[in-house]
């Protein structure tokens, strides 16, 4: 604990309380970092799955312009669909949703893009 403040002016009991609080804070930060890492890994796996499905569809000769790139079930009339603001993947209403950005601009986003 090199980043500990100088606690020499405190009593032993006060020092123990402050040290325990700082240890809990460090443990909580480590837990949060682990959760973020897991979420990033989950998103990476989902993106790889989407990419793999798209490649399989292209090899099979199926065109994806009029199909949801996430579920590959929903077909769009005239190839409309919604394009994700973050990852530019075309998706249906079940796989994505409208979100309000900080600039009060409403944009469309794939649900797993929001997990980041």
PDB file of N, CA and C in Angstrom:
ATOM      1  N   UNK A   1       0.828  -1.189   0.000  1.00  0.00           N
ATOM      2  CA  UNK A   1       0.000   0.000   0.000  1.00  0.00           C
ATOM      3  C   UNK A   1       0.871   1.250   0.000  1.00  0.00           C
ATOM      4  N   UNK A   2       1.529   1.488  -1.081  1.00  0.00           N
ATOM      5  CA  UNK A   2       2.430   2.631  -1.208  1.00  0.00           C
ATOM      6  C   UNK A   2       1.660   3.939  -1.288  1.00  0.00           C
ATOM      7  N   UNK A   3       0.397   3.909  -1.745  1.00  0.00           N
ATOM      8  CA  UNK A   3      -0.371   5.138  -1.898  1.00  0.00           C
ATOM      9  C   UNK A   3      -1.175   5.486  -0.637  1.00  0.00           C
ATOM     10  N   UNK A   4      -0.843   4.899   0.492  1.00  0.00           N
ATOM     11  CA  UNK A   4      -1.531   5.189   1.754  1.00  0.00           C
ATOM     12  C   UNK A   4      -1.128   6.569   2.257  1.00  0.00           C
ATOM     13  N   UNK A   5      -2.071   7.338   2.740  1.00  0.00           N
ATOM     14  CA  UNK A   5      -1.733   8.630   3.331  1.00  0.00           C
ATOM     15  C   UNK A   5      -1.042   8.440   4.685  1.00  0.00           C
ATOM     16  N   UNK A   6      -0.430   9.490   5.177  1.00  0.00           N
ATOM     17  CA  UNK A   6       0.249   9.433   6.473  1.00  0.00           C
ATOM     18  C   UNK A   6      -0.799   9.360   7.579  1.00  0.00           C
ATOM     19  N   UNK A   7      -0.822   8.240   8.277  1.00  0.00           N
ATOM     20  CA  UNK A   7      -1.791   8.028   9.360  1.00  0.00           C
ATOM     21  C   UNK A   7      -1.114   7.999  10.724  1.00  0.00           C
ATOM     22  N   UNK A   8       0.121   8.471  10.800  1.00  0.00           N
ATOM     23  CA  UNK A   8       0.882   8.376  12.045  1.00  0.00           C
ATOM     24  C   UNK A   8       0.288   9.231  13.170  1.00  0.00           C
ATOM     25  N   UNK A   9      -0.451  10.258  12.831  1.00  0.00           N
ATOM     26  CA  UNK A   9      -1.025  11.130  13.851  1.00  0.00           C
ATOM     27  C   UNK A   9      -2.321  10.580  14.454  1.00  0.00           C
ATOM     28  N   UNK A  10      -2.818   9.448  13.929  1.00  0.00           N
ATOM     29  CA  UNK A  10      -4.060   8.857  14.410  1.00  0.00           C
ATOM     30  C   UNK A  10      -3.785   7.768  15.447  1.00  0.00           C
ATOM     31  N   UNK A  11      -4.820   7.452  16.203  1.00  0.00           N
ATOM     32  CA  UNK A  11      -4.690   6.352  17.162  1.00  0.00           C
ATOM     33  C   UNK A  11      -4.700   5.032  16.397  1.00  0.00           C
ATOM     34  N   UNK A  12      -4.316   3.974  17.062  1.00  0.00           N
ATOM     35  CA  UNK A  12      -4.251   2.655  16.426  1.00  0.00           C
ATOM     36  C   UNK A  12      -5.631   2.217  15.935  1.00  0.00           C
ATOM     37  N   UNK A  13      -6.663   2.517  16.719  1.00  0.00           N
ATOM     38  CA  UNK A  13      -8.025   2.143  16.341  1.00  0.00           C
ATOM     39  C   UNK A  13      -8.476   2.918  15.097  1.00  0.00           C
ATOM     40  N   UNK A  14      -8.211   4.213  15.057  1.00  0.00           N
ATOM     41  CA  UNK A  14      -8.580   5.028  13.903  1.00  0.00           C
ATOM     42  C   UNK A  14      -7.821   4.571  12.646  1.00  0.00           C
ATOM     43  N   UNK A  15      -6.545   4.272  12.849  1.00  0.00           N
ATOM     44  CA  UNK A  15      -5.730   3.785  11.723  1.00  0.00           C
ATOM     45  C   UNK A  15      -6.299   2.488  11.159  1.00  0.00           C
ATOM     46  N   UNK A  16      -6.683   1.569  12.038  1.00  0.00           N
ATOM     47  CA  UNK A  16      -7.235   0.277  11.603  1.00  0.00           C
ATOM     48  C   UNK A  16      -8.537   0.470  10.826  1.00  0.00           C
ATOM     49  N   UNK A  17      -9.375   1.387  11.283  1.00  0.00           N
ATOM     50  CA  UNK A  17     -10.644   1.652  10.595  1.00  0.00           C
ATOM     51  C   UNK A  17     -10.383   2.208   9.195  1.00  0.00           C
ATOM     52  N   UNK A  18      -9.510   3.184   9.097  1.00  0.00           N
ATOM     53  CA  UNK A  18      -9.210   3.802   7.800  1.00  0.00           C
ATOM     54  C   UNK A  18      -8.552   2.796   6.855  1.00  0.00           C
ATOM     55  N   UNK A  19      -7.644   1.993   7.374  1.00  0.00           N
ATOM     56  CA  UNK A  19      -6.993   0.984   6.533  1.00  0.00           C
ATOM     57  C   UNK A  19      -7.993  -0.051   6.027  1.00  0.00           C
ATOM     58  N   UNK A  20      -8.943  -0.443   6.873  1.00  0.00           N
ATOM     59  CA  UNK A  20      -9.938  -1.428   6.431  1.00  0.00           C
ATOM     60  C   UNK A  20     -10.847  -0.831   5.346  1.00  0.00           C
ATOM     61  N   UNK A  21     -11.197   0.447   5.484  1.00  0.00           N
ATOM     62  CA  UNK A  21     -12.018   1.117   4.468  1.00  0.00           C
ATOM     63  C   UNK A  21     -11.259   1.184   3.148  1.00  0.00           C
ATOM     64  N   UNK A  22      -9.988   1.510   3.209  1.00  0.00           N
ATOM     65  CA  UNK A  22      -9.187   1.606   1.991  1.00  0.00           C
ATOM     66  C   UNK A  22      -9.016   0.236   1.333  1.00  0.00           C
ATOM     67  N   UNK A  23      -8.884  -0.808   2.131  1.00  0.00           N
ATOM     68  CA  UNK A  23      -8.777  -2.159   1.579  1.00  0.00           C
ATOM     69  C   UNK A  23     -10.083  -2.563   0.885  1.00  0.00           C
ATOM     70  N   UNK A  24     -11.214  -2.244   1.524  1.00  0.00           N
ATOM     71  CA  UNK A  24     -12.508  -2.560   0.904  1.00  0.00           C
ATOM     72  C   UNK A  24     -12.673  -1.806  -0.416  1.00  0.00           C
ATOM     73  N   UNK A  25     -12.224  -0.544  -0.437  1.00  0.00           N
ATOM     74  CA  UNK A  25     -12.305   0.250  -1.661  1.00  0.00           C
ATOM     75  C   UNK A  25     -11.466  -0.392  -2.778  1.00  0.00           C
ATOM     76  N   UNK A  26     -10.277  -0.829  -2.434  1.00  0.00           N
ATOM     77  CA  UNK A  26      -9.400  -1.469  -3.427  1.00  0.00           C
ATOM     78  C   UNK A  26     -10.029  -2.757  -3.949  1.00  0.00           C
ATOM     79  N   UNK A  27     -10.622  -3.557  -3.060  1.00  0.00           N
ATOM     80  CA  UNK A  27     -11.277  -4.795  -3.469  1.00  0.00           C
ATOM     81  C   UNK A  27     -12.472  -4.507  -4.376  1.00  0.00           C
ATOM     82  N   UNK A  28     -13.226  -3.463  -4.042  1.00  0.00           N
ATOM     83  CA  UNK A  28     -14.384  -3.092  -4.849  1.00  0.00           C
ATOM     84  C   UNK A  28     -13.948  -2.636  -6.242  1.00  0.00           C
ATOM     85  N   UNK A  29     -12.880  -1.880  -6.327  1.00  0.00           N
ATOM     86  CA  UNK A  29     -12.365  -1.445  -7.626  1.00  0.00           C
ATOM     87  C   UNK A  29     -11.905  -2.638  -8.455  1.00  0.00           C
ATOM     88  N   UNK A  30     -11.270  -3.616  -7.820  1.00  0.00           N
ATOM     89  CA  UNK A  30     -10.843  -4.820  -8.530  1.00  0.00           C
ATOM     90  C   UNK A  30     -12.047  -5.599  -9.052  1.00  0.00           C
ATOM     91  N   UNK A  31     -13.129  -5.681  -8.252  1.00  0.00           N
ATOM     92  CA  UNK A  31     -14.348  -6.351  -8.690  1.00  0.00           C
ATOM     93  C   UNK A  31     -14.960  -5.633  -9.894  1.00  0.00           C
ATOM     94  N   UNK A  32     -15.012  -4.302  -9.831  1.00  0.00           N
ATOM     95  CA  UNK A  32     -15.566  -3.522 -10.939  1.00  0.00           C
ATOM     96  C   UNK A  32     -14.743  -3.717 -12.210  1.00  0.00           C
ATOM     97  N   UNK A  33     -13.432  -3.748 -12.076  1.00  0.00           N
ATOM     98  CA  UNK A  33     -12.566  -3.966 -13.236  1.00  0.00           C
ATOM     99  C   UNK A  33     -12.797  -5.348 -13.835  1.00  0.00           C
ATOM    100  N   UNK A  34     -12.998  -6.341 -12.988  1.00  0.00           N
ATOM    101  CA  UNK A  34     -13.260  -7.702 -13.451  1.00  0.00           C
ATOM    102  C   UNK A  34     -14.594  -7.761 -14.191  1.00  0.00           C
ATOM    103  N   UNK A  35     -15.610  -7.088 -13.667  1.00  0.00           N
ATOM    104  CA  UNK A  35     -16.920  -7.060 -14.328  1.00  0.00           C
ATOM    105  C   UNK A  35     -16.803  -6.401 -15.701  1.00  0.00           C
ATOM    106  N   UNK A  36     -16.088  -5.284 -15.774  1.00  0.00           N
ATOM    107  CA  UNK A  36     -15.900  -4.591 -17.053  1.00  0.00           C
ATOM    108  C   UNK A  36     -15.156  -5.483 -18.047  1.00  0.00           C
ATOM    109  N   UNK A  37     -14.146  -6.182 -17.585  1.00  0.00           N
ATOM    110  CA  UNK A  37     -13.387  -7.070 -18.469  1.00  0.00           C
ATOM    111  C   UNK A  37     -14.286  -8.181 -19.012  1.00  0.00           C
ATOM    112  N   UNK A  38     -15.126  -8.751 -18.143  1.00  0.00           N
ATOM    113  CA  UNK A  38     -16.045  -9.806 -18.578  1.00  0.00           C
ATOM    114  C   UNK A  38     -17.036  -9.289 -19.609  1.00  0.00           C
ATOM    115  N   UNK A  39     -17.564  -8.084 -19.375  1.00  0.00           N
ATOM    116  CA  UNK A  39     -18.518  -7.494 -20.321  1.00  0.00           C
ATOM    117  C   UNK A  39     -17.851  -7.233 -21.665  1.00  0.00           C
ATOM    118  N   UNK A  40     -16.617  -6.748 -21.648  1.00  0.00           N
ATOM    119  CA  UNK A  40     -15.899  -6.505 -22.895  1.00  0.00           C
ATOM    120  C   UNK A  40     -15.637  -7.816 -23.629  1.00  0.00           C
ATOM    121  N   UNK A  41     -15.306  -8.872 -22.889  1.00  0.00           N
ATOM    122  CA  UNK A  41     -15.107 -10.182 -23.496  1.00  0.00           C
ATOM    123  C   UNK A  41     -16.407 -10.697 -24.109  1.00  0.00           C
ATOM    124  N   UNK A  42     -17.517 -10.488 -23.408  1.00  0.00           N
ATOM    125  CA  UNK A  42     -18.823 -10.925 -23.899  1.00  0.00           C
ATOM    126  C   UNK A  42     -19.177 -10.214 -25.204  1.00  0.00           C
ATOM    127  N   UNK A  43     -18.931  -8.917 -25.252  1.00  0.00           N
ATOM    128  CA  UNK A  43     -19.216  -8.155 -26.468  1.00  0.00           C
ATOM    129  C   UNK A  43     -18.323  -8.629 -27.613  1.00  0.00           C
ATOM    130  N   UNK A  44     -17.065  -8.896 -27.315  1.00  0.00           N
ATOM    131  CA  UNK A  44     -16.143  -9.379 -28.354  1.00  0.00           C
ATOM    132  C   UNK A  44     -16.616 -10.724 -28.911  1.00  0.00           C
ATOM    133  N   UNK A  45     -17.088 -11.607 -28.044  1.00  0.00           N
ATOM    134  CA  UNK A  45     -17.592 -12.906 -28.493  1.00  0.00           C
ATOM    135  C   UNK A  45     -18.833 -12.721 -29.361  1.00  0.00           C
ATOM    136  N   UNK A  46     -19.733 -11.827 -28.958  1.00  0.00           N
ATOM    137  CA  UNK A  46     -20.935 -11.576 -29.748  1.00  0.00           C
ATOM    138  C   UNK A  46     -20.583 -10.999 -31.120  1.00  0.00           C
ATOM    139  N   UNK A  47     -19.634 -10.075 -31.158  1.00  0.00           N
ATOM    140  CA  UNK A  47     -19.222  -9.503 -32.437  1.00  0.00           C
ATOM    141  C   UNK A  47     -18.612 -10.564 -33.336  1.00  0.00           C
ATOM    142  N   UNK A  48     -17.789 -11.451 -32.767  1.00  0.00           N
ATOM    143  CA  UNK A  48     -17.197 -12.539 -33.544  1.00  0.00           C
ATOM    144  C   UNK A  48     -18.279 -13.484 -34.079  1.00  0.00           C
ATOM    145  N   UNK A  49     -19.275 -13.765 -33.261  1.00  0.00           N
ATOM    146  CA  UNK A  49     -20.374 -14.631 -33.683  1.00  0.00           C
ATOM    147  C   UNK A  49     -21.129 -14.010 -34.852  1.00  0.00           C
ATOM    148  N   UNK A  50     -21.396 -12.716 -34.749  1.00  0.00           N
ATOM    149  CA  UNK A  50     -22.098 -12.015 -35.829  1.00  0.00           C
ATOM    150  C   UNK A  50     -21.274 -12.059 -37.115  1.00  0.00           C
ATOM    151  N   UNK A  51     -19.983 -11.787 -36.982  1.00  0.00           N
ATOM    152  CA  UNK A  51     -19.103 -11.811 -38.141  1.00  0.00           C
ATOM    153  C   UNK A  51     -19.071 -13.211 -38.774  1.00  0.00           C
ATOM    154  N   UNK A  52     -18.996 -14.229 -37.917  1.00  0.00           N
ATOM    155  CA  UNK A  52     -18.949 -15.619 -38.395  1.00  0.00           C
ATOM    156  C   UNK A  52     -20.250 -15.985 -39.115  1.00  0.00           C
ATOM    157  N   UNK A  53     -21.389 -15.602 -38.554  1.00  0.00           N
ATOM    158  CA  UNK A  53     -22.673 -15.880 -39.196  1.00  0.00           C
ATOM    159  C   UNK A  53     -22.768 -15.181 -40.549  1.00  0.00           C
ATOM    160  N   UNK A  54     -22.314 -13.944 -40.606  1.00  0.00           N
ATOM    161  CA  UNK A  54     -22.364 -13.195 -41.857  1.00  0.00           C
ATOM    162  C   UNK A  54     -21.500 -13.870 -42.915  1.00  0.00           C
ATOM    163  N   UNK A  55     -20.330 -14.349 -42.523  1.00  0.00           N
ATOM    164  CA  UNK A  55     -19.457 -15.050 -43.467  1.00  0.00           C
ATOM    165  C   UNK A  55     -20.104 -16.339 -43.960  1.00  0.00           C
ATOM    166  N   UNK A  56     -20.756 -17.066 -43.060  1.00  0.00           N
ATOM    167  CA  UNK A  56     -21.436 -18.302 -43.458  1.00  0.00           C
ATOM    168  C   UNK A  56     -22.559 -18.008 -44.445  1.00  0.00           C
ATOM    169  N   UNK A  57     -23.305 -16.942 -44.181  1.00  0.00           N
ATOM    170  CA  UNK A  57     -24.402 -16.568 -45.072  1.00  0.00           C
ATOM    171  C   UNK A  57     -23.877 -16.162 -46.449  1.00  0.00           C
ATOM    172  N   UNK A  58     -22.760 -15.435 -46.465  1.00  0.00           N
ATOM    173  CA  UNK A  58     -22.183 -15.021 -47.743  1.00  0.00           C
ATOM    174  C   UNK A  58     -21.673 -16.223 -48.531  1.00  0.00           C
ATOM    175  N   UNK A  59     -21.068 -17.195 -47.826  1.00  0.00           N
ATOM    176  CA  UNK A  59     -20.589 -18.404 -48.491  1.00  0.00           C
ATOM    177  C   UNK A  59     -21.743 -19.203 -49.070  1.00  0.00           C
ATOM    178  N   UNK A  60     -22.875 -19.181 -48.368  1.00  0.00           N
ATOM    179  CA  UNK A  60     -24.050 -19.908 -48.838  1.00  0.00           C
ATOM    180  C   UNK A  60     -24.759 -19.159 -49.959  1.00  0.00           C
ATOM    181  N   UNK A  61     -24.330 -17.930 -50.239  1.00  0.00           N
ATOM    182  CA  UNK A  61     -24.926 -17.151 -51.310  1.00  0.00           C
ATOM    183  C   UNK A  61     -26.131 -16.351 -50.882  1.00  0.00           C
ATOM    184  N   UNK A  62     -26.368 -16.248 -49.602  1.00  0.00           N
ATOM    185  CA  UNK A  62     -27.502 -15.485 -49.098  1.00  0.00           C
ATOM    186  C   UNK A  62     -27.051 -14.038 -48.889  1.00  0.00           C
ATOM    187  N   UNK A  63     -27.832 -13.113 -49.392  1.00  0.00           N
ATOM    188  CA  UNK A  63     -27.493 -11.698 -49.255  1.00  0.00           C
ATOM    189  C   UNK A  63     -28.061 -11.167 -47.944  1.00  0.00           C
ATOM    190  N   UNK A  64     -27.258 -10.449 -47.167  1.00  0.00           N
ATOM    191  CA  UNK A  64     -27.677  -9.974 -45.847  1.00  0.00           C
ATOM    192  C   UNK A  64     -28.209  -8.539 -45.840  1.00  0.00           C
ATOM    193  N   UNK A  65     -28.301  -7.893 -46.979  1.00  0.00           N
ATOM    194  CA  UNK A  65     -28.732  -6.498 -46.990  1.00  0.00           C
ATOM    195  C   UNK A  65     -30.155  -6.330 -46.464  1.00  0.00           C
ATOM    196  N   UNK A  66     -31.013  -7.307 -46.687  1.00  0.00           N
ATOM    197  CA  UNK A  66     -32.407  -7.194 -46.278  1.00  0.00           C
ATOM    198  C   UNK A  66     -32.722  -8.070 -45.072  1.00  0.00           C
ATOM    199  N   UNK A  67     -31.698  -8.436 -44.282  1.00  0.00           N
ATOM    200  CA  UNK A  67     -31.880  -9.315 -43.127  1.00  0.00           C
ATOM    201  C   UNK A  67     -31.170  -8.724 -41.913  1.00  0.00           C
ATOM    202  N   UNK A  68     -31.742  -8.935 -40.742  1.00  0.00           N
ATOM    203  CA  UNK A  68     -31.098  -8.503 -39.500  1.00  0.00           C
ATOM    204  C   UNK A  68     -29.779  -9.255 -39.343  1.00  0.00           C
ATOM    205  N   UNK A  69     -28.694  -8.538 -39.099  1.00  0.00           N
ATOM    206  CA  UNK A  69     -27.376  -9.161 -38.975  1.00  0.00           C
ATOM    207  C   UNK A  69     -27.177  -9.859 -37.632  1.00  0.00           C
ATOM    208  N   UNK A  70     -28.066  -9.621 -36.676  1.00  0.00           N
ATOM    209  CA  UNK A  70     -27.937 -10.222 -35.355  1.00  0.00           C
ATOM    210  C   UNK A  70     -28.670 -11.567 -35.305  1.00  0.00           C
ATOM    211  N   UNK A  71     -29.976 -11.530 -35.510  1.00  0.00           N
ATOM    212  CA  UNK A  71     -30.769 -12.758 -35.376  1.00  0.00           C
ATOM    213  C   UNK A  71     -30.885 -13.520 -36.696  1.00  0.00           C
ATOM    214  N   UNK A  72     -30.610 -12.884 -37.813  1.00  0.00           N
ATOM    215  CA  UNK A  72     -30.709 -13.475 -39.156  1.00  0.00           C
ATOM    216  C   UNK A  72     -32.103 -14.032 -39.446  1.00  0.00           C
ATOM    217  N   UNK A  73     -33.115 -13.532 -38.749  1.00  0.00           N
ATOM    218  CA  UNK A  73     -34.479 -13.999 -38.963  1.00  0.00           C
ATOM    219  C   UNK A  73     -35.341 -12.928 -39.597  1.00  0.00           C
ATOM    220  N   UNK A  74     -35.235 -11.714 -39.083  1.00  0.00           N
ATOM    221  CA  UNK A  74     -36.095 -10.635 -39.541  1.00  0.00           C
ATOM    222  C   UNK A  74     -35.647 -10.156 -40.911  1.00  0.00           C
ATOM    223  N   UNK A  75     -36.587 -10.101 -41.833  1.00  0.00           N
ATOM    224  CA  UNK A  75     -36.316  -9.600 -43.178  1.00  0.00           C
ATOM    225  C   UNK A  75     -36.922  -8.204 -43.286  1.00  0.00           C
ATOM    226  N   UNK A  76     -36.183  -7.294 -43.891  1.00  0.00           N
ATOM    227  CA  UNK A  76     -36.620  -5.908 -44.009  1.00  0.00           C
ATOM    228  C   UNK A  76     -37.210  -5.660 -45.395  1.00  0.00           C
ATOM    229  N   UNK A  77     -38.283  -4.896 -45.417  1.00  0.00           N
ATOM    230  CA  UNK A  77     -38.824  -4.471 -46.705  1.00  0.00           C
ATOM    231  C   UNK A  77     -37.899  -3.399 -47.269  1.00  0.00           C
ATOM    232  N   UNK A  78     -37.492  -3.546 -48.480  1.00  0.00           N
ATOM    233  CA  UNK A  78     -36.598  -2.595 -49.151  1.00  0.00           C
ATOM    234  C   UNK A  78     -35.254  -2.461 -48.444  1.00  0.00           C
ATOM    235  N   UNK A  79     -34.857  -3.431 -47.617  1.00  0.00           N
ATOM    236  CA  UNK A  79     -33.546  -3.397 -46.966  1.00  0.00           C
ATOM    237  C   UNK A  79     -33.399  -2.284 -45.949  1.00  0.00           C
ATOM    238  N   UNK A  80     -34.483  -1.847 -45.332  1.00  0.00           N
ATOM    239  CA  UNK A  80     -34.435  -0.715 -44.417  1.00  0.00           C
ATOM    240  C   UNK A  80     -33.691  -1.090 -43.140  1.00  0.00           C
ATOM    241  N   UNK A  81     -34.367  -1.581 -42.131  1.00  0.00           N
ATOM    242  CA  UNK A  81     -33.722  -1.928 -40.863  1.00  0.00           C
ATOM    243  C   UNK A  81     -33.156  -0.702 -40.170  1.00  0.00           C
ATOM    244  N   UNK A  82     -32.480  -0.910 -39.072  1.00  0.00           N
ATOM    245  CA  UNK A  82     -31.836   0.172 -38.328  1.00  0.00           C
ATOM    246  C   UNK A  82     -30.346  -0.119 -38.277  1.00  0.00           C
ATOM    247  N   UNK A  83     -29.535   0.916 -38.355  1.00  0.00           N
ATOM    248  CA  UNK A  83     -28.092   0.753 -38.285  1.00  0.00           C
ATOM    249  C   UNK A  83     -27.615   1.283 -36.938  1.00  0.00           C
ATOM    250  N   UNK A  84     -26.832   0.470 -36.231  1.00  0.00           N
ATOM    251  CA  UNK A  84     -26.328   0.827 -34.905  1.00  0.00           C
ATOM    252  C   UNK A  84     -25.404   2.041 -34.998  1.00  0.00           C
ATOM    253  N   UNK A  85     -25.583   2.964 -34.077  1.00  0.00           N
ATOM    254  CA  UNK A  85     -24.760   4.171 -34.019  1.00  0.00           C
ATOM    255  C   UNK A  85     -23.312   3.839 -33.670  1.00  0.00           C
ATOM    256  N   UNK A  86     -23.084   2.802 -32.863  1.00  0.00           N
ATOM    257  CA  UNK A  86     -21.748   2.477 -32.379  1.00  0.00           C
ATOM    258  C   UNK A  86     -20.978   1.542 -33.311  1.00  0.00           C
ATOM    259  N   UNK A  87     -21.636   0.482 -33.803  1.00  0.00           N
ATOM    260  CA  UNK A  87     -20.891  -0.532 -34.564  1.00  0.00           C
ATOM    261  C   UNK A  87     -21.330  -0.654 -36.017  1.00  0.00           C
ATOM    262  N   UNK A  88     -22.312   0.128 -36.455  1.00  0.00           N
ATOM    263  CA  UNK A  88     -22.780   0.181 -37.848  1.00  0.00           C
ATOM    264  C   UNK A  88     -23.305  -1.153 -38.364  1.00  0.00           C
ATOM    265  N   UNK A  89     -23.871  -1.966 -37.493  1.00  0.00           N
ATOM    266  CA  UNK A  89     -24.470  -3.238 -37.900  1.00  0.00           C
ATOM    267  C   UNK A  89     -25.974  -3.020 -38.071  1.00  0.00           C
ATOM    268  N   UNK A  90     -26.541  -3.550 -39.155  1.00  0.00           N
ATOM    269  CA  UNK A  90     -27.979  -3.420 -39.419  1.00  0.00           C
ATOM    270  C   UNK A  90     -28.730  -4.448 -38.575  1.00  0.00           C
ATOM    271  N   UNK A  91     -29.781  -3.983 -37.872  1.00  0.00           N
ATOM    272  CA  UNK A  91     -30.530  -4.904 -37.016  1.00  0.00           C
ATOM    273  C   UNK A  91     -32.013  -4.555 -36.996  1.00  0.00           C
ATOM    274  N   UNK A  92     -32.805  -5.476 -36.443  1.00  0.00           N
ATOM    275  CA  UNK A  92     -34.254  -5.287 -36.328  1.00  0.00           C
ATOM    276  C   UNK A  92     -34.601  -4.637 -34.986  1.00  0.00           C
ATOM    277  N   UNK A  93     -35.888  -4.385 -34.779  1.00  0.00           N
ATOM    278  CA  UNK A  93     -36.343  -3.727 -33.546  1.00  0.00           C
ATOM    279  C   UNK A  93     -36.172  -4.617 -32.321  1.00  0.00           C
ATOM    280  N   UNK A  94     -36.185  -5.946 -32.486  1.00  0.00           N
ATOM    281  CA  UNK A  94     -36.001  -6.841 -31.345  1.00  0.00           C
ATOM    282  C   UNK A  94     -34.556  -6.876 -30.874  1.00  0.00           C
ATOM    283  N   UNK A  95     -33.616  -6.694 -31.790  1.00  0.00           N
ATOM    284  CA  UNK A  95     -32.190  -6.784 -31.448  1.00  0.00           C
ATOM    285  C   UNK A  95     -31.581  -5.439 -31.081  1.00  0.00           C
ATOM    286  N   UNK A  96     -32.289  -4.371 -31.275  1.00  0.00           N
ATOM    287  CA  UNK A  96     -31.755  -3.045 -30.962  1.00  0.00           C
ATOM    288  C   UNK A  96     -32.855  -2.150 -30.425  1.00  0.00           C
ATOM    289  N   UNK A  97     -32.512  -0.923 -30.134  1.00  0.00           N
ATOM    290  CA  UNK A  97     -33.489   0.019 -29.617  1.00  0.00           C
ATOM    291  C   UNK A  97     -32.973   1.441 -29.707  1.00  0.00           C
ATOM    292  N   UNK A  98     -33.886   2.387 -29.538  1.00  0.00           N
ATOM    293  CA  UNK A  98     -33.509   3.791 -29.577  1.00  0.00           C
ATOM    294  C   UNK A  98     -32.924   4.195 -28.235  1.00  0.00           C
ATOM    295  N   UNK A  99     -31.848   4.984 -28.276  1.00  0.00           N
ATOM    296  CA  UNK A  99     -31.228   5.488 -27.058  1.00  0.00           C
ATOM    297  C   UNK A  99     -31.038   6.992 -27.216  1.00  0.00           C
ATOM    298  N   UNK A 100     -31.031   7.698 -26.096  1.00  0.00           N
ATOM    299  CA  UNK A 100     -30.781   9.122 -26.112  1.00  0.00           C
ATOM    300  C   UNK A 100     -29.333   9.348 -25.733  1.00  0.00           C
ATOM    301  N   UNK A 101     -28.606   9.987 -26.605  1.00  0.00           N
ATOM    302  CA  UNK A 101     -27.208  10.284 -26.349  1.00  0.00           C
ATOM    303  C   UNK A 101     -27.104  11.531 -25.482  1.00  0.00           C
ATOM    304  N   UNK A 102     -25.920  11.824 -25.002  1.00  0.00           N
ATOM    305  CA  UNK A 102     -25.721  12.989 -24.126  1.00  0.00           C
ATOM    306  C   UNK A 102     -26.147  14.289 -24.784  1.00  0.00           C
ATOM    307  N   UNK A 103     -26.019  14.345 -26.083  1.00  0.00           N
ATOM    308  CA  UNK A 103     -26.349  15.568 -26.802  1.00  0.00           C
ATOM    309  C   UNK A 103     -27.846  15.681 -27.063  1.00  0.00           C
ATOM    310  N   UNK A 104     -28.640  14.888 -26.384  1.00  0.00           N
ATOM    311  CA  UNK A 104     -30.096  14.800 -26.526  1.00  0.00           C
ATOM    312  C   UNK A 104     -30.500  14.359 -27.925  1.00  0.00           C
ATOM    313  N   UNK A 105     -29.566  13.805 -28.675  1.00  0.00           N
ATOM    314  CA  UNK A 105     -29.858  13.259 -29.991  1.00  0.00           C
ATOM    315  C   UNK A 105     -30.297  11.812 -29.806  1.00  0.00           C
ATOM    316  N   UNK A 106     -31.393  11.425 -30.418  1.00  0.00           N
ATOM    317  CA  UNK A 106     -31.886  10.055 -30.328  1.00  0.00           C
ATOM    318  C   UNK A 106     -31.240   9.255 -31.446  1.00  0.00           C
ATOM    319  N   UNK A 107     -30.675   8.123 -31.103  1.00  0.00           N
ATOM    320  CA  UNK A 107     -29.967   7.292 -32.061  1.00  0.00           C
ATOM    321  C   UNK A 107     -30.373   5.845 -31.856  1.00  0.00           C
ATOM    322  N   UNK A 108     -30.122   5.012 -32.847  1.00  0.00           N
ATOM    323  CA  UNK A 108     -30.446   3.599 -32.754  1.00  0.00           C
ATOM    324  C   UNK A 108     -29.200   2.831 -32.352  1.00  0.00           C
ATOM    325  N   UNK A 109     -29.357   1.828 -31.494  1.00  0.00           N
ATOM    326  CA  UNK A 109     -28.198   1.103 -30.989  1.00  0.00           C
ATOM    327  C   UNK A 109     -28.546  -0.356 -30.767  1.00  0.00           C
ATOM    328  N   UNK A 110     -27.608  -1.237 -31.107  1.00  0.00           N
ATOM    329  CA  UNK A 110     -27.771  -2.659 -30.839  1.00  0.00           C
ATOM    330  C   UNK A 110     -27.637  -2.870 -29.336  1.00  0.00           C
ATOM    331  N   UNK A 111     -28.444  -3.752 -28.789  1.00  0.00           N
ATOM    332  CA  UNK A 111     -28.492  -3.937 -27.330  1.00  0.00           C
ATOM    333  C   UNK A 111     -27.144  -4.309 -26.731  1.00  0.00           C
ATOM    334  N   UNK A 112     -26.351  -5.166 -27.372  1.00  0.00           N
ATOM    335  CA  UNK A 112     -25.076  -5.527 -26.755  1.00  0.00           C
ATOM    336  C   UNK A 112     -24.056  -4.427 -26.876  1.00  0.00           C
ATOM    337  N   UNK A 113     -24.241  -3.451 -27.763  1.00  0.00           N
ATOM    338  CA  UNK A 113     -23.337  -2.307 -27.831  1.00  0.00           C
ATOM    339  C   UNK A 113     -23.496  -1.429 -26.592  1.00  0.00           C
ATOM    340  N   UNK A 114     -24.685  -1.473 -26.012  1.00  0.00           N
ATOM    341  CA  UNK A 114     -24.939  -0.679 -24.811  1.00  0.00           C
ATOM    342  C   UNK A 114     -24.265  -1.250 -23.586  1.00  0.00           C
ATOM    343  N   UNK A 115     -23.856  -2.525 -23.633  1.00  0.00           N
ATOM    344  CA  UNK A 115     -23.244  -3.146 -22.472  1.00  0.00           C
ATOM    345  C   UNK A 115     -21.851  -2.589 -22.179  1.00  0.00           C
ATOM    346  N   UNK A 116     -21.261  -1.979 -23.165  1.00  0.00           N
ATOM    347  CA  UNK A 116     -19.945  -1.380 -22.936  1.00  0.00           C
ATOM    348  C   UNK A 116     -20.113  -0.196 -22.113  1.00  0.00           C
TER     349      UNK A 116
END
